[in-house]
C-alpha atoms as a PDB file:
ATOM      1  CA  MET A   1      -0.132   0.036   0.346  1.00  0.00           C
ATOM      2  CA  LYS A   2       2.765   2.128   1.104  1.00  0.00           C
ATOM      3  CA  LYS A   3       4.243   1.712  -2.431  1.00  0.00           C
ATOM      4  CA  ILE A   4       1.309   2.743  -4.799  1.00  0.00           C
ATOM      5  CA  ALA A   5       0.948   5.682  -2.394  1.00  0.00           C
ATOM      6  CA  VAL A   6       4.842   6.799  -3.371  1.00  0.00           C
ATOM      7  CA  ILE A   7       4.130   5.901  -6.946  1.00  0.00           C
ATOM      8  CA  MET A   8       1.094   8.211  -6.610  1.00  0.00           C
ATOM      9  CA  LEU A   9       2.757  11.309  -5.103  1.00  0.00           C
ATOM     10  CA  LEU A  10       5.890  10.557  -7.981  1.00  0.00           C
ATOM     11  CA  ALA A  11       3.182  10.844 -10.791  1.00  0.00           C
ATOM     12  CA  MET A  12       1.285  13.603  -9.285  1.00  0.00           C
ATOM     13  CA  GLY A  13       5.081  15.428  -9.033  1.00  0.00           C
ATOM     14  CA  LEU A  14       6.102  14.813 -12.258  1.00  0.00           C
ATOM     15  CA  ASN A  15       2.821  16.305 -13.780  1.00  0.00           C
ATOM     16  CA  ALA A  16       2.863  19.343 -11.651  1.00  0.00           C
ATOM     17  CA  ALA A  17       4.657  21.515 -13.983  1.00  0.00           C
ATOM     18  CA  GLN A  18       1.839  21.985 -16.900  1.00  0.00           C
ATOM     19  CA  PHE A  19       0.580  25.043 -18.627  1.00  0.00           C
ATOM     20  CA  ASN A  20      -2.936  25.621 -17.380  1.00  0.00           C
ATOM     21  CA  TRP A  21      -3.645  25.491 -21.345  1.00  0.00           C
ATOM     22  CA  ILE A  22      -6.940  26.703 -22.764  1.00  0.00           C
ATOM     23  CA  TYR A  23      -7.927  24.981 -26.436  1.00  0.00           C
ATOM     24  CA  THR A  24     -10.197  27.884 -27.791  1.00  0.00           C
ATOM     25  CA  TYR A  25      -8.871  31.539 -28.945  1.00  0.00           C
ATOM     26  CA  LYS A  26     -12.712  32.785 -27.649  1.00  0.00           C
ATOM     27  CA  GLU A  27     -12.400  31.498 -24.380  1.00  0.00           C
ATOM     28  CA  ALA A  28      -8.666  32.446 -23.765  1.00  0.00           C
ATOM     29  CA  SER A  29      -9.578  36.237 -25.142  1.00  0.00           C
ATOM     30  CA  ALA A  30     -12.507  36.321 -22.650  1.00  0.00           C
ATOM     31  CA  LYS A  31     -10.190  35.053 -19.519  1.00  0.00           C
ATOM     32  CA  ALA A  32      -7.494  37.596 -20.782  1.00  0.00           C
ATOM     33  CA  LEU A  33      -9.968  40.276 -20.388  1.00  0.00           C
ATOM     34  CA  LYS A  34     -11.694  39.270 -17.427  1.00  0.00           C
ATOM     35  CA  GLU A  35      -7.983  38.808 -15.883  1.00  0.00           C
ATOM     36  CA  ASN A  36      -5.816  41.681 -17.712  1.00  0.00           C
ATOM     37  CA  LYS A  37      -3.571  39.098 -18.870  1.00  0.00           C
ATOM     38  CA  PRO A  38      -2.118  38.775 -22.206  1.00  0.00           C
ATOM     39  CA  MET A  39      -2.304  35.352 -23.958  1.00  0.00           C
ATOM     40  CA  VAL A  40       0.175  33.364 -25.279  1.00  0.00           C
ATOM     41  CA  VAL A  41      -1.208  31.735 -28.047  1.00  0.00           C
ATOM     42  CA  TYR A  42       0.646  28.454 -28.922  1.00  0.00           C
ATOM     43  CA  MET A  43      -0.232  27.359 -32.681  1.00  0.00           C
ATOM     44  CA  HIS A  44       0.998  23.489 -33.160  1.00  0.00           C
ATOM     45  CA  ARG A  45       0.585  20.307 -35.340  1.00  0.00           C
ATOM     46  CA  PRO A  46       0.378  16.667 -35.354  1.00  0.00           C
ATOM     47  CA  GLY A  47       3.687  14.995 -36.143  1.00  0.00           C
ATOM     48  CA  CYS A  48       5.840  18.443 -35.816  1.00  0.00           C
ATOM     49  CA  GLU A  49       9.220  17.181 -34.043  1.00  0.00           C
ATOM     50  CA  SER A  50       9.833  20.739 -32.825  1.00  0.00           C
ATOM     51  CA  CYS A  51       6.461  20.879 -31.095  1.00  0.00           C
ATOM     52  CA  ASP A  52       6.890  17.221 -29.603  1.00  0.00           C
ATOM     53  CA  PHE A  53       9.945  18.810 -27.973  1.00  0.00           C
ATOM     54  CA  LEU A  54       8.471  21.776 -26.386  1.00  0.00           C
ATOM     55  CA  GLU A  55       5.683  19.748 -25.225  1.00  0.00           C
ATOM     56  CA  GLN A  56       7.444  17.065 -23.587  1.00  0.00           C
ATOM     57  CA  LYS A  57      10.600  19.054 -22.176  1.00  0.00           C
ATOM     58  CA  VAL A  58      10.043  22.586 -22.251  1.00  0.00           C
ATOM     59  CA  PHE A  59       6.220  23.247 -21.122  1.00  0.00           C
ATOM     60  CA  ASN A  60       7.193  21.011 -18.141  1.00  0.00           C
ATOM     61  CA  ASP A  61       9.726  22.929 -17.071  1.00  0.00           C
ATOM     62  CA  GLU A  62       8.483  24.216 -13.154  1.00  0.00           C
ATOM     63  CA  ASN A  63       9.597  27.754 -13.587  1.00  0.00           C
ATOM     64  CA  LEU A  64       8.355  28.395 -16.981  1.00  0.00           C
ATOM     65  CA  SER A  65       5.047  26.738 -15.896  1.00  0.00           C
ATOM     66  CA  VAL A  66       4.833  28.767 -12.694  1.00  0.00           C
ATOM     67  CA  TYR A  67       5.289  31.875 -14.734  1.00  0.00           C
ATOM     68  CA  VAL A  68       3.100  31.412 -17.814  1.00  0.00           C
ATOM     69  CA  ASN A  69       0.154  30.580 -15.143  1.00  0.00           C
ATOM     70  CA  GLU A  70       0.461  33.419 -13.246  1.00  0.00           C
ATOM     71  CA  HIS A  71       0.927  36.083 -15.713  1.00  0.00           C
ATOM     72  CA  TYR A  72      -0.727  34.776 -19.100  1.00  0.00           C
ATOM     73  CA  VAL A  73      -3.504  33.042 -20.395  1.00  0.00           C
ATOM     74  CA  PRO A  74      -1.958  30.141 -22.134  1.00  0.00           C
ATOM     75  CA  VAL A  75      -3.674  28.798 -25.557  1.00  0.00           C
ATOM     76  CA  LEU A  76      -2.976  25.891 -27.245  1.00  0.00           C
ATOM     77  CA  LEU A  77      -4.345  25.744 -30.841  1.00  0.00           C
ATOM     78  CA  ASN A  78      -3.774  23.126 -33.886  1.00  0.00           C
ATOM     79  CA  VAL A  79      -2.603  24.913 -36.669  1.00  0.00           C
ATOM     80  CA  LYS A  80      -4.622  22.891 -39.097  1.00  0.00           C
ATOM     81  CA  LYS A  81      -8.198  23.696 -37.170  1.00  0.00           C
ATOM     82  CA  SER A  82      -8.718  26.393 -34.516  1.00  0.00           C
ATOM     83  CA  ASP A  83     -11.046  29.333 -33.815  1.00  0.00           C
ATOM     84  CA  ALA A  84      -7.725  31.989 -33.692  1.00  0.00           C
ATOM     85  CA  PRO A  85      -8.395  35.002 -35.905  1.00  0.00           C
ATOM     86  CA  LYS A  86      -7.352  34.794 -39.889  1.00  0.00           C
ATOM     87  CA  LYS A  87      -4.311  36.957 -38.804  1.00  0.00           C
ATOM     88  CA  LEU A  88      -3.169  34.445 -35.979  1.00  0.00           C
ATOM     89  CA  VAL A  89      -3.685  31.570 -38.670  1.00  0.00           C
ATOM     90  CA  VAL A  90      -0.174  30.162 -39.778  1.00  0.00           C
ATOM     91  CA  LYS A  91       0.919  27.233 -41.928  1.00  0.00           C
ATOM     92  CA  ALA A  92       4.141  26.606 -40.049  1.00  0.00           C
ATOM     93  CA  SER A  93       4.785  25.317 -36.499  1.00  0.00           C
ATOM     94  CA  PRO A  94       5.229  25.915 -33.767  1.00  0.00           C
ATOM     95  CA  VAL A  95       4.274  29.251 -33.788  1.00  0.00           C
ATOM     96  CA  PHE A  96       4.019  31.577 -30.826  1.00  0.00           C
ATOM     97  CA  HIS A  97       1.503  34.686 -30.844  1.00  0.00           C
ATOM     98  CA  PHE A  98       1.798  37.257 -28.016  1.00  0.00           C
ATOM     99  CA  VAL A  99      -1.640  39.321 -27.680  1.00  0.00           C
ATOM    100  CA  ASN A 100      -3.817  41.083 -25.933  1.00  0.00           C
ATOM    101  CA  SER A 101      -7.398  40.442 -25.661  1.00  0.00           C
ATOM    102  CA  LYS A 102      -8.372  42.464 -28.157  1.00  0.00           C
ATOM    103  CA  GLY A 103      -5.881  40.074 -30.543  1.00  0.00           C
ATOM    104  CA  ASP A 104      -3.463  42.982 -30.658  1.00  0.00           C
ATOM    105  CA  PHE A 105       0.041  42.202 -30.700  1.00  0.00           C
ATOM    106  CA  ILE A 106       2.163  42.856 -28.437  1.00  0.00           C
ATOM    107  CA  GLU A 107       5.216  41.703 -29.423  1.00  0.00           C
ATOM    108  CA  GLU A 108       6.496  39.800 -33.058  1.00  0.00           C
ATOM    109  CA  THR A 109       5.323  36.292 -33.448  1.00  0.00           C
ATOM    110  CA  GLN A 110       7.946  33.935 -32.602  1.00  0.00           C
ATOM    111  CA  TYR A 111       8.796  31.018 -34.720  1.00  0.00           C
ATOM    112  CA  GLY A 112      10.452  27.416 -34.301  1.00  0.00           C
ATOM    113  CA  GLY A 113      11.192  25.857 -30.691  1.00  0.00           C
ATOM    114  CA  LYS A 114      13.228  27.291 -27.977  1.00  0.00           C
ATOM    115  CA  ASN A 115      14.646  26.323 -24.612  1.00  0.00           C
ATOM    116  CA  ALA A 116      12.863  26.951 -21.307  1.00  0.00           C
ATOM    117  CA  LYS A 117      15.222  29.505 -20.430  1.00  0.00           C
ATOM    118  CA  THR A 118      14.942  31.445 -23.089  1.00  0.00           C
ATOM    119  CA  PHE A 119      11.178  31.317 -23.711  1.00  0.00           C
ATOM    120  CA  LEU A 120      11.074  32.642 -20.167  1.00  0.00           C
ATOM    121  CA  LYS A 121      13.383  35.553 -21.072  1.00  0.00           C
ATOM    122  CA  ILE A 122      10.703  36.164 -24.014  1.00  0.00           C
ATOM    123  CA  LEU A 123       7.994  35.924 -21.987  1.00  0.00           C
ATOM    124  CA  GLN A 124       9.077  38.030 -19.526  1.00  0.00           C
ATOM    125  CA  ASP A 125      10.051  40.696 -22.187  1.00  0.00           C
ATOM    126  CA  VAL A 126       6.381  40.445 -23.478  1.00  0.00           C
ATOM    127  CA  GLU A 127       5.504  40.617 -19.885  1.00  0.00           C
ATOM    128  CA  ILE A 128       6.859  44.332 -19.123  1.00  0.00           C
ATOM    129  CA  LYS A 129       5.439  45.584 -23.176  1.00  0.00           C
ATOM    130  CA  PHE A 130       1.700  44.655 -22.164  1.00  0.00           C
ATOM    131  CA  GLN A 131       2.487  46.070 -18.379  1.00  0.00           C
ATOM    132  CA  SER A 132       3.786  49.181 -19.922  1.00  0.00           C
ATOM    133  CA  LYS A 133       0.723  49.597 -22.302  1.00  0.00           C
ATOM    134  CA  LYS A 134      -2.163  49.373 -19.625  1.00  0.00           C
END
């Protein structure tokens, strides 16, 4: 019984560092407006190796996930099918858009995979820009 409890605690700890993704743009923009937060819109597609790397390694970084969940509304959308506005629709992946609740760009769109440290720095810089425009 103790072994089962330990295994469950370990499994919960491994999954603790995750983004609180929202899977529709409409829901995310409403939440961003209500909470006065910027959105980080991550566009991915199945079979994308860089996307897999981000999802398995980078997004599980505890410092990064805590920062994103505290300062952003994280949005996870499929490049091939989403409710994103046309100006956010792209064919490439992975892609990160940094927008406010109205869909206005805060920062240039970022393409490609990033490591956790680099992505955290980008997010911190975008957050500063967002706060300065309030």
